[in-house]
């Protein structure tokens, strides 16, 4: 069965949107990688200063700010809070690994 012009346009538009999403996904991964690189730098600084790796007050403030930004952007705050917890947890894990390896 031959596709109609409408179906072809819809399929083309869907492919275009899928490509845009793929680029955004790549940007997200790149930003997360950069954040983890900075986490290693933060760990080194904390080791020099004798600061603890886990700082609950700072992490709460950072999460609160991300939730505020989510609301401003029209995103579900609980979705962004969940992402923030995952990102912060990974950042802390990277910092602890860096500290343990003495880098």
Protein backbone atom coordinates (compact mmCIF):
# COMPACT_ATOMS: atom_id res chain seq x y z
CA UNK A 1 0.00 0.00 0.00
CA UNK A 2 1.32 3.39 -1.00
CA UNK A 3 1.82 6.02 1.70
CA UNK A 4 -0.06 9.26 1.35
CA UNK A 5 1.75 12.61 1.15
CA UNK A 6 0.47 13.32 4.66
CA UNK A 7 1.96 10.09 5.97
CA UNK A 8 5.29 10.83 4.28
CA UNK A 9 5.38 14.36 5.74
CA UNK A 10 4.48 13.05 9.19
CA UNK A 11 7.18 10.40 8.95
CA UNK A 12 9.73 12.99 7.83
CA UNK A 13 8.77 15.31 10.68
CA UNK A 14 9.05 12.45 13.16
CA UNK A 15 12.53 11.60 11.85
CA UNK A 16 13.56 15.25 12.19
CA UNK A 17 12.28 15.42 15.76
CA UNK A 18 13.99 12.13 16.59
CA UNK A 19 17.27 13.55 15.32
CA UNK A 20 16.86 16.63 17.51
CA UNK A 21 16.19 14.44 20.54
CA UNK A 22 19.30 12.37 19.77
CA UNK A 23 21.40 15.55 19.70
CA UNK A 24 19.94 16.71 23.01
CA UNK A 25 20.64 13.28 24.53
CA UNK A 26 24.26 13.55 23.40
CA UNK A 27 24.48 17.03 24.94
CA UNK A 28 23.06 15.71 28.22
CA UNK A 29 25.66 12.94 28.34
CA UNK A 30 28.41 15.42 27.53
CA UNK A 31 27.24 17.75 30.31
CA UNK A 32 27.09 14.87 32.79
CA UNK A 33 30.61 13.81 31.83
CA UNK A 34 31.82 17.39 32.33
CA UNK A 35 30.09 17.55 35.70
CA UNK A 36 31.86 14.39 36.83
CA UNK A 37 35.21 15.81 35.69
CA UNK A 38 34.53 18.85 37.86
CA UNK A 39 33.53 16.51 40.71
CA UNK A 40 37.04 15.05 40.57
CA UNK A 41 38.49 18.57 40.81
CA UNK A 42 36.18 19.32 43.72
CA UNK A 43 37.35 16.17 45.50
CA UNK A 44 40.99 17.20 45.12
CA UNK A 45 40.21 20.65 46.50
CA UNK A 46 38.26 19.17 49.42
CA UNK A 47 41.18 16.85 50.24
CA UNK A 48 43.61 19.78 50.30
CA UNK A 49 41.28 21.82 52.53
CA UNK A 50 40.19 18.94 54.73
CA UNK A 51 36.55 19.42 53.76
CA UNK A 52 34.18 16.45 53.90
CA UNK A 53 33.09 14.91 50.62
CA UNK A 54 29.45 14.67 51.66
CA UNK A 55 27.91 18.02 52.50
CA UNK A 56 24.19 17.49 52.99
CA UNK A 57 23.34 21.18 53.39
CA UNK A 58 25.01 22.10 50.09
CA UNK A 59 23.37 19.14 48.33
CA UNK A 60 19.93 20.14 49.68
CA UNK A 61 20.46 23.73 48.51
CA UNK A 62 21.59 22.58 45.07
CA UNK A 63 18.56 20.28 44.75
CA UNK A 64 16.24 23.07 45.92
CA UNK A 65 17.68 25.41 43.27
CA UNK A 66 17.25 22.79 40.55
CA UNK A 67 13.61 22.28 41.59
CA UNK A 68 13.03 26.05 41.42
CA UNK A 69 14.57 26.12 37.93
CA UNK A 70 12.33 23.20 36.95
CA UNK A 71 9.23 25.10 37.99
CA UNK A 72 10.38 28.16 36.05
CA UNK A 73 10.96 25.98 32.99
CA UNK A 74 7.56 24.31 33.29
CA UNK A 75 9.02 20.91 34.19
CA UNK A 76 7.71 18.50 36.79
CA UNK A 77 9.65 19.42 39.95
CA UNK A 78 9.60 15.83 41.22
CA UNK A 79 11.13 14.61 37.97
CA UNK A 80 13.94 17.16 38.28
CA UNK A 81 14.37 16.37 41.99
CA UNK A 82 14.84 12.68 41.10
CA UNK A 83 17.39 13.58 38.41
CA UNK A 84 19.16 15.92 40.85
CA UNK A 85 19.45 13.14 43.44
CA UNK A 86 20.94 10.79 40.85
CA UNK A 87 23.42 13.38 39.58
CA UNK A 88 24.47 14.44 43.08
CA UNK A 89 24.80 10.82 44.22
CA UNK A 90 27.04 10.04 41.25
CA UNK A 91 29.07 13.19 41.88
CA UNK A 92 29.61 12.14 45.50
CA UNK A 93 30.56 8.62 44.38
CA UNK A 94 33.12 10.09 41.96
CA UNK A 95 34.49 12.33 44.70
CA UNK A 96 34.78 9.44 47.14
CA UNK A 97 36.51 7.31 44.50
CA UNK A 98 38.91 10.16 43.77
CA UNK A 99 39.64 10.58 47.47
CA UNK A 100 40.20 6.86 47.99
CA UNK A 101 42.56 6.64 45.02
CA UNK A 102 44.45 9.70 46.26
CA UNK A 103 44.45 11.34 42.82
